N, C-alpha and C. Protein backbone atom coordinates (compact mmCIF):
# COMPACT_ATOMS: atom_id res chain seq x y z
N MET A 1 130.52 -13.49 62.88
CA MET A 1 131.18 -12.44 63.33
C MET A 1 130.98 -11.51 62.11
N THR A 2 130.13 -10.31 62.03
CA THR A 2 130.26 -9.76 61.01
C THR A 2 130.99 -8.27 61.02
N PHE A 3 131.93 -8.18 59.99
CA PHE A 3 132.56 -7.16 59.90
C PHE A 3 131.71 -5.86 58.96
N LEU A 4 131.69 -4.87 59.97
CA LEU A 4 130.79 -3.42 59.62
C LEU A 4 132.08 -2.18 59.02
N PRO A 5 132.34 -2.07 58.16
CA PRO A 5 133.26 -0.83 58.15
C PRO A 5 132.88 0.31 57.95
N ASP A 6 133.27 1.19 57.72
CA ASP A 6 133.15 2.88 58.97
C ASP A 6 132.94 3.26 57.23
N PRO A 7 132.06 3.53 56.99
CA PRO A 7 131.32 3.79 55.38
C PRO A 7 132.23 5.27 55.47
N ALA A 8 132.60 5.67 53.91
CA ALA A 8 132.85 6.55 53.45
C ALA A 8 132.30 7.84 53.11
N THR A 9 133.36 9.26 54.00
CA THR A 9 132.34 10.77 53.84
C THR A 9 132.55 10.92 52.16
N PHE A 10 131.63 12.08 51.83
CA PHE A 10 132.07 13.15 51.27
C PHE A 10 131.38 14.58 50.97
N SER A 11 132.28 15.25 50.34
CA SER A 11 133.04 16.92 50.69
C SER A 11 132.50 17.39 49.43
N ARG A 12 131.39 17.31 48.76
CA ARG A 12 131.14 18.56 47.85
C ARG A 12 131.32 19.35 47.81
N ARG A 13 131.84 20.35 46.93
CA ARG A 13 132.27 21.35 46.38
C ARG A 13 131.12 22.45 46.82
N ALA A 14 130.36 22.06 46.26
CA ALA A 14 128.73 23.04 46.86
C ALA A 14 128.70 23.06 48.25
N ASP A 15 128.70 21.93 48.71
CA ASP A 15 129.07 22.26 50.43
C ASP A 15 129.93 23.09 51.36
N GLN A 16 131.68 22.88 50.60
CA GLN A 16 131.98 23.10 51.46
C GLN A 16 131.94 24.86 51.74
N PRO A 17 131.74 24.58 53.36
CA PRO A 17 131.44 26.18 53.64
C PRO A 17 133.42 27.47 53.17
N SER A 18 132.58 28.45 53.62
CA SER A 18 134.53 29.28 53.41
C SER A 18 134.73 30.26 54.59
N ALA A 19 135.79 31.10 54.58
CA ALA A 19 135.98 32.02 55.45
C ALA A 19 136.52 33.12 54.58
N GLY A 20 136.55 33.85 54.27
CA GLY A 20 137.26 35.02 53.31
C GLY A 20 137.64 33.92 51.70
N ARG A 21 138.87 34.13 51.78
CA ARG A 21 139.88 33.72 50.67
C ARG A 21 139.97 31.33 50.90
N THR A 22 139.42 31.00 52.04
CA THR A 22 139.64 30.09 52.65
C THR A 22 138.11 29.14 52.63
N ARG A 23 138.81 27.77 51.89
CA ARG A 23 136.82 26.96 51.13
C ARG A 23 137.80 25.34 52.65
N PHE A 24 137.07 25.39 53.30
CA PHE A 24 137.38 23.22 54.04
C PHE A 24 136.77 23.02 53.38
N VAL A 25 137.38 22.28 53.15
CA VAL A 25 137.25 21.32 51.68
C VAL A 25 136.98 20.01 52.71
N ALA A 26 137.90 19.83 53.28
CA ALA A 26 137.75 18.97 54.30
C ALA A 26 137.87 19.08 56.19
N THR A 27 136.80 19.48 56.99
CA THR A 27 137.31 19.49 58.33
C THR A 27 137.53 18.54 59.04
N GLY A 28 138.36 18.90 60.39
CA GLY A 28 138.82 17.87 61.53
C GLY A 28 137.46 16.80 61.72
N SER A 29 136.31 17.67 61.69
CA SER A 29 134.84 17.08 62.35
C SER A 29 134.24 16.00 60.84
N GLN A 30 134.84 16.04 60.02
CA GLN A 30 134.63 15.77 58.68
C GLN A 30 135.55 14.05 58.36
N THR A 31 136.84 13.86 59.39
CA THR A 31 137.57 13.29 59.01
C THR A 31 138.26 11.90 60.35
N ARG A 32 137.03 12.27 60.86
CA ARG A 32 137.20 11.84 62.74
C ARG A 32 138.61 12.32 63.35
N GLY A 33 139.15 13.19 62.81
CA GLY A 33 140.00 14.06 63.79
C GLY A 33 141.33 13.69 62.53
N ASP A 34 141.40 12.90 62.07
CA ASP A 34 142.65 12.56 61.19
C ASP A 34 143.44 13.93 60.39
N TYR A 35 142.12 14.70 60.32
CA TYR A 35 143.65 15.52 59.31
C TYR A 35 142.07 16.44 58.95
N GLY A 36 142.62 18.59 58.83
CA GLY A 36 142.26 19.36 58.13
C GLY A 36 142.69 19.19 56.53
N LEU A 37 141.36 19.89 55.75
CA LEU A 37 142.02 20.55 54.67
C LEU A 37 141.30 21.28 53.87
N PHE A 38 142.45 22.75 53.80
CA PHE A 38 141.65 23.71 53.18
C PHE A 38 142.72 24.12 51.77
N GLU A 39 141.90 24.85 50.93
CA GLU A 39 142.51 25.16 49.67
C GLU A 39 142.21 26.67 50.15
N VAL A 40 143.22 27.52 49.86
CA VAL A 40 143.47 28.95 49.62
C VAL A 40 143.78 29.68 48.72
N THR A 41 143.16 30.80 47.93
CA THR A 41 143.47 31.47 47.26
C THR A 41 144.06 33.19 47.37
N MET A 42 144.78 33.13 47.27
CA MET A 42 145.44 34.45 47.52
C MET A 42 145.72 35.37 46.56
N ALA A 43 145.32 36.70 46.81
CA ALA A 43 145.73 37.31 45.77
C ALA A 43 147.35 37.75 45.35
N PRO A 44 147.46 38.64 44.13
CA PRO A 44 148.75 38.74 44.08
C PRO A 44 149.69 40.25 44.92
N GLY A 45 150.82 39.68 45.60
CA GLY A 45 150.56 40.70 46.75
C GLY A 45 149.89 40.30 47.38
N GLY A 46 149.61 39.48 47.68
CA GLY A 46 148.80 38.94 49.59
C GLY A 46 149.52 38.73 50.36
N SER A 47 149.31 38.78 51.46
CA SER A 47 150.47 37.87 52.59
C SER A 47 150.00 36.80 53.53
N GLY A 48 150.07 36.47 54.40
CA GLY A 48 149.84 35.47 55.55
C GLY A 48 149.63 35.53 56.43
N PRO A 49 149.57 34.61 57.79
CA PRO A 49 150.43 35.54 58.49
C PRO A 49 152.12 35.28 58.92
N GLY A 50 152.56 36.01 59.89
CA GLY A 50 153.88 35.96 60.14
C GLY A 50 154.56 35.35 60.14
N PRO A 51 155.44 34.95 60.85
CA PRO A 51 156.16 33.48 61.48
C PRO A 51 155.13 33.40 62.88
N HIS A 52 155.12 32.22 63.14
CA HIS A 52 154.28 31.16 63.51
C HIS A 52 154.89 29.96 63.69
N LEU A 53 154.42 29.50 65.10
CA LEU A 53 153.99 27.79 65.22
C LEU A 53 152.93 26.93 65.46
N HIS A 54 152.70 25.74 65.71
CA HIS A 54 151.69 25.72 66.28
C HIS A 54 152.14 24.44 67.04
N ARG A 55 151.93 23.26 68.46
CA ARG A 55 152.70 22.10 68.89
C ARG A 55 152.18 21.21 69.06
N THR A 56 151.01 21.29 68.29
CA THR A 56 149.74 20.39 68.55
C THR A 56 149.24 19.89 66.82
N PHE A 57 150.35 20.17 65.98
CA PHE A 57 149.52 19.83 64.69
C PHE A 57 150.70 20.13 63.97
N SER A 58 150.90 19.46 62.12
CA SER A 58 151.90 20.23 61.54
C SER A 58 150.80 20.39 60.47
N GLU A 59 151.61 20.98 59.05
CA GLU A 59 151.24 22.05 58.58
C GLU A 59 151.89 21.57 57.34
N SER A 60 150.86 21.15 56.28
CA SER A 60 151.86 20.90 54.66
C SER A 60 151.17 21.55 53.98
N PHE A 61 152.01 22.70 52.51
CA PHE A 61 151.32 23.52 51.78
C PHE A 61 151.76 22.36 50.63
N HIS A 62 150.58 22.52 49.52
CA HIS A 62 150.89 21.97 48.30
C HIS A 62 150.13 23.10 47.57
N VAL A 63 151.05 23.38 46.60
CA VAL A 63 150.32 24.39 45.19
C VAL A 63 150.03 23.93 44.53
N LEU A 64 148.65 24.93 43.89
CA LEU A 64 148.31 23.99 42.49
C LEU A 64 148.76 25.35 42.07
N GLU A 65 148.54 26.59 42.15
CA GLU A 65 148.54 27.02 40.78
C GLU A 65 149.27 28.55 41.61
N GLY A 66 149.99 29.13 40.60
CA GLY A 66 150.73 30.28 41.20
C GLY A 66 152.35 29.99 41.38
N SER A 67 152.96 31.11 42.71
CA SER A 67 153.80 30.40 43.36
C SER A 67 154.01 31.27 45.29
N LEU A 68 154.21 30.31 46.13
CA LEU A 68 153.88 30.76 46.85
C LEU A 68 155.43 30.95 48.53
N ASP A 69 155.88 32.27 48.45
CA ASP A 69 156.58 32.21 49.49
C ASP A 69 156.47 31.65 50.80
N VAL A 70 157.50 30.35 51.20
CA VAL A 70 157.17 30.24 52.59
C VAL A 70 158.71 30.33 52.91
N LEU A 71 158.51 30.58 54.70
CA LEU A 71 159.46 31.00 55.53
C LEU A 71 159.20 29.49 56.86
N ALA A 72 160.65 28.80 55.88
CA ALA A 72 160.64 27.32 56.76
C ALA A 72 162.41 27.44 57.13
N ASP A 73 162.96 27.60 58.39
CA ASP A 73 164.48 26.25 58.47
C ASP A 73 165.24 27.49 57.87
N ASP A 74 164.77 29.31 58.77
CA ASP A 74 165.22 30.15 59.16
C ASP A 74 165.39 31.05 57.48
N GLY A 75 164.69 30.61 56.49
CA GLY A 75 164.77 31.21 55.07
C GLY A 75 163.35 30.87 54.41
N TRP A 76 163.18 31.80 53.13
CA TRP A 76 161.75 32.21 52.82
C TRP A 76 162.54 31.49 51.18
N THR A 77 161.62 29.93 50.56
CA THR A 77 161.70 29.77 49.77
C THR A 77 160.16 29.86 48.91
N THR A 78 160.45 29.64 47.76
CA THR A 78 159.20 29.60 46.81
C THR A 78 158.54 28.70 46.41
N ALA A 79 157.88 28.35 46.49
CA ALA A 79 157.07 27.13 45.85
C ALA A 79 156.57 27.40 45.28
N HIS A 80 156.46 25.88 44.13
CA HIS A 80 155.78 26.73 42.66
C HIS A 80 154.23 25.78 42.69
N ALA A 81 153.74 26.10 41.53
CA ALA A 81 152.87 25.00 40.84
C ALA A 81 153.72 23.61 41.24
N GLY A 82 152.45 22.26 42.32
CA GLY A 82 153.36 21.39 42.09
C GLY A 82 153.99 21.04 43.86
N ASP A 83 154.57 21.39 43.93
CA ASP A 83 155.06 21.83 45.18
C ASP A 83 154.55 21.62 46.70
N LEU A 84 155.62 21.28 47.16
CA LEU A 84 155.14 20.30 48.30
C LEU A 84 155.84 21.25 49.13
N VAL A 85 155.72 22.03 50.76
CA VAL A 85 156.32 22.12 51.97
C VAL A 85 155.22 21.35 52.46
N TYR A 86 156.83 20.70 53.79
CA TYR A 86 155.99 20.20 55.42
C TYR A 86 156.38 21.18 56.06
N VAL A 87 155.57 21.36 57.28
CA VAL A 87 156.36 21.90 58.87
C VAL A 87 155.45 21.39 59.42
N PRO A 88 156.70 20.66 60.17
CA PRO A 88 156.69 19.89 61.47
C PRO A 88 155.62 20.47 62.34
N ARG A 89 155.16 18.96 63.68
CA ARG A 89 155.36 20.25 64.83
C ARG A 89 156.34 20.90 65.29
N SER A 90 155.76 22.38 66.19
CA SER A 90 156.96 23.46 66.10
C SER A 90 157.53 23.99 65.74
N GLY A 91 157.17 23.42 64.09
CA GLY A 91 158.43 24.83 63.31
C GLY A 91 157.73 25.63 62.83
N VAL A 92 158.74 26.62 63.09
CA VAL A 92 158.48 28.16 62.60
C VAL A 92 158.00 28.30 61.47
N HIS A 93 157.16 29.32 60.95
CA HIS A 93 156.67 29.44 59.39
C HIS A 93 156.07 30.48 59.00
N ALA A 94 155.94 30.44 58.19
CA ALA A 94 154.95 32.26 57.69
C ALA A 94 154.69 31.99 56.01
N PHE A 95 154.07 32.53 55.44
CA PHE A 95 153.64 32.18 53.92
C PHE A 95 153.02 33.49 53.86
N ARG A 96 153.50 33.79 52.50
CA ARG A 96 153.16 34.79 51.12
C ARG A 96 152.61 35.00 49.96
N SER A 97 152.47 35.57 49.32
CA SER A 97 152.11 35.38 47.76
C SER A 97 153.96 35.56 47.09
N ALA A 98 154.72 35.15 46.05
CA ALA A 98 155.54 34.90 45.76
C ALA A 98 156.67 36.38 45.49
N GLY A 99 155.16 37.29 45.05
CA GLY A 99 155.84 38.99 45.16
C GLY A 99 154.28 39.64 44.18
N PRO A 100 154.33 40.60 44.01
CA PRO A 100 153.37 41.87 43.59
C PRO A 100 152.71 41.53 43.22
N ASP A 101 153.36 40.54 41.54
CA ASP A 101 152.22 41.04 40.65
C ASP A 101 151.68 38.66 40.52
N VAL A 102 152.13 38.44 41.57
CA VAL A 102 152.36 36.88 41.04
C VAL A 102 150.79 36.50 43.07
N GLY A 103 149.92 35.62 42.36
CA GLY A 103 148.63 35.06 43.71
C GLY A 103 149.25 34.09 43.61
N ALA A 104 148.43 33.31 44.62
CA ALA A 104 148.39 31.59 44.34
C ALA A 104 147.17 30.69 45.31
N ARG A 105 146.90 29.44 44.58
CA ARG A 105 146.10 29.12 44.99
C ARG A 105 146.20 27.41 45.79
N PHE A 106 146.57 27.66 46.51
CA PHE A 106 146.95 26.09 47.63
C PHE A 106 146.45 25.50 48.47
N LEU A 107 146.52 24.73 48.46
CA LEU A 107 145.99 23.59 49.85
C LEU A 107 146.77 23.25 51.39
N ILE A 108 146.42 23.77 52.26
CA ILE A 108 146.66 23.23 53.55
C ILE A 108 146.17 22.09 54.58
N LEU A 109 147.28 21.30 54.40
CA LEU A 109 147.06 19.84 54.77
C LEU A 109 147.58 20.06 56.91
N PHE A 110 145.88 20.05 57.35
CA PHE A 110 146.40 19.57 59.20
C PHE A 110 146.59 18.32 59.44
N THR A 111 147.68 17.96 60.09
CA THR A 111 147.99 16.83 61.09
C THR A 111 147.94 16.77 62.62
N PRO A 112 147.24 16.70 63.21
CA PRO A 112 145.94 15.51 62.77
C PRO A 112 144.73 16.56 62.09
N GLY A 113 143.10 16.55 62.58
CA GLY A 113 141.91 17.07 62.38
C GLY A 113 141.63 17.91 62.91
N ILE A 114 142.40 19.08 63.76
CA ILE A 114 142.53 19.76 64.95
C ILE A 114 140.75 21.03 64.56
N PRO A 115 140.24 21.70 64.93
CA PRO A 115 139.21 22.30 64.85
C PRO A 115 139.68 23.75 64.07
N ARG A 116 140.46 23.84 62.94
CA ARG A 116 141.48 25.05 62.54
C ARG A 116 140.55 25.61 61.77
N GLU A 117 139.02 25.60 61.65
CA GLU A 117 138.09 26.20 60.62
C GLU A 117 137.55 27.66 61.52
N GLU A 118 137.73 26.82 62.93
CA GLU A 118 137.46 27.77 63.73
C GLU A 118 138.24 29.29 63.93
N TYR A 119 139.93 28.98 63.78
CA TYR A 119 140.64 29.89 63.65
C TYR A 119 140.00 30.96 62.61
N PHE A 120 140.28 30.35 61.71
CA PHE A 120 139.93 31.16 59.83
C PHE A 120 138.11 32.09 60.82
N THR A 121 137.58 31.37 60.76
CA THR A 121 136.22 32.42 61.22
C THR A 121 136.61 33.38 62.02
N GLY A 122 137.29 32.83 63.01
CA GLY A 122 136.98 34.01 63.87
C GLY A 122 138.07 35.01 63.80
N LEU A 123 139.43 34.28 63.04
CA LEU A 123 140.03 36.00 62.19
C LEU A 123 139.35 37.14 61.75
N LEU A 124 138.80 36.16 60.56
CA LEU A 124 137.89 37.33 60.06
C LEU A 124 136.58 37.83 60.67
N GLU A 125 136.36 37.64 62.17
CA GLU A 125 135.05 38.20 63.17
C GLU A 125 135.55 39.39 63.66
N LEU A 126 137.30 39.29 63.73
CA LEU A 126 138.28 39.98 64.80
C LEU A 126 137.93 41.14 63.70
N HIS A 127 138.14 41.30 62.37
CA HIS A 127 137.89 42.60 61.43
C HIS A 127 136.66 43.05 60.85
N ALA A 128 135.57 42.28 61.41
CA ALA A 128 134.07 42.47 60.81
C ALA A 128 133.93 43.81 61.33
N ASP A 129 133.18 44.50 59.93
CA ASP A 129 133.19 46.00 60.74
C ASP A 129 134.13 47.09 60.32
N GLY A 130 135.13 46.58 59.03
CA GLY A 130 136.32 47.02 59.27
C GLY A 130 136.78 47.06 60.24
N ARG A 131 137.13 46.97 61.58
CA ARG A 131 137.68 46.94 62.91
C ARG A 131 139.09 46.64 62.24
N THR A 132 139.92 46.37 62.93
CA THR A 132 141.15 46.82 63.06
C THR A 132 141.58 46.24 64.58
N PRO A 133 141.49 45.05 64.54
CA PRO A 133 142.41 44.48 66.28
C PRO A 133 144.05 44.60 66.23
N THR A 134 144.20 45.07 67.51
CA THR A 134 145.47 45.44 67.98
C THR A 134 146.40 44.12 67.81
N THR A 135 147.59 44.08 67.79
CA THR A 135 148.61 43.30 67.48
C THR A 135 148.09 41.53 68.41
N ALA A 136 148.28 42.67 70.09
CA ALA A 136 147.69 42.08 70.99
C ALA A 136 146.15 40.99 70.99
N GLU A 137 144.97 41.40 70.44
CA GLU A 137 144.50 40.83 71.00
C GLU A 137 144.64 39.37 69.51
N ILE A 138 144.76 39.67 68.64
CA ILE A 138 145.48 38.92 67.19
C ILE A 138 145.75 37.43 67.80
N ASP A 139 147.07 38.22 69.15
CA ASP A 139 148.12 37.15 69.08
C ASP A 139 146.99 36.27 70.09
N ALA A 140 147.20 36.63 71.19
CA ALA A 140 146.08 36.20 72.26
C ALA A 140 144.61 35.57 71.15
N PHE A 141 143.98 35.74 70.32
CA PHE A 141 142.83 35.07 69.58
C PHE A 141 143.68 33.87 69.43
N ALA A 142 145.12 33.95 68.65
CA ALA A 142 145.71 33.03 67.52
C ALA A 142 145.90 31.77 68.98
N LEU A 143 146.58 32.11 69.63
CA LEU A 143 146.96 31.49 70.26
C LEU A 143 145.91 30.53 71.88
N GLN A 144 144.79 31.11 71.30
CA GLN A 144 143.40 29.90 71.97
C GLN A 144 143.39 28.95 71.09
N HIS A 145 144.14 28.91 69.28
CA HIS A 145 144.02 27.90 68.79
C HIS A 145 145.33 27.55 67.73
N ASP A 146 146.43 27.08 68.83
CA ASP A 146 147.32 26.84 68.81
C ASP A 146 148.40 27.29 67.69
N GLN A 147 147.99 28.75 68.19
CA GLN A 147 149.19 29.44 66.85
C GLN A 147 149.52 30.54 68.02
N LEU A 148 151.15 30.27 68.54
CA LEU A 148 152.16 31.45 68.75
C LEU A 148 152.57 32.51 68.16
N ASN A 149 152.35 33.48 67.95
CA ASN A 149 152.99 34.56 66.85
C ASN A 149 154.14 34.70 66.88
N LEU A 150 155.34 35.17 66.65
CA LEU A 150 156.32 35.26 66.91
C LEU A 150 156.82 37.11 66.43
N HIS A 151 157.47 37.88 67.13
CA HIS A 151 157.69 39.16 66.96
C HIS A 151 158.92 39.20 67.31
N ASP A 152 159.21 40.22 66.13
CA ASP A 152 160.85 40.51 66.22
C ASP A 152 161.34 41.45 68.68
C-alpha cells in the first residue's frame, strides 16, 4: 500500500485578494476549512466593529505593528506589537485603533476556516457608491455570517 500525503498549498502575496484594508492571506477554502488568516491595516484613529460575538468560530488577534484596543472580558485592553488576544466562540469582543495617533497592522485567525472573506467583501458592497446602510441592514447582514452585533 502506498501512502500519498496531501500536498502543501502556497498563498503567494501577489495572489492574495483583499477587501478594503483586509488582505486574505489564507481562506478556509485554501486550508480545507482548518483556519482563515487575514491581515488588517487600521489607520490611526480607525475603528472596527462594535461589540459582537460568533457562535461557530473563534477569533485571535496578533498585532504585528502599532497598537490595537480590544474589548474582551467586559473591558478594553491594549495589545501591542507581538501581543496575541484569543477570543473563544461566543466571546463578546470588539476592536479599534489604540488612539487618534496610533494605527495597527494585525492578523486575525479564524478557526475553523469558515468563509469569513464573504463577510468582509459583502460589507464593502453594502457601503458601495457612498451608500450608508442602516444599523438594521448591517446587523441582518452580519447575522448571515455568524456575527451577532450587540447594542446597548
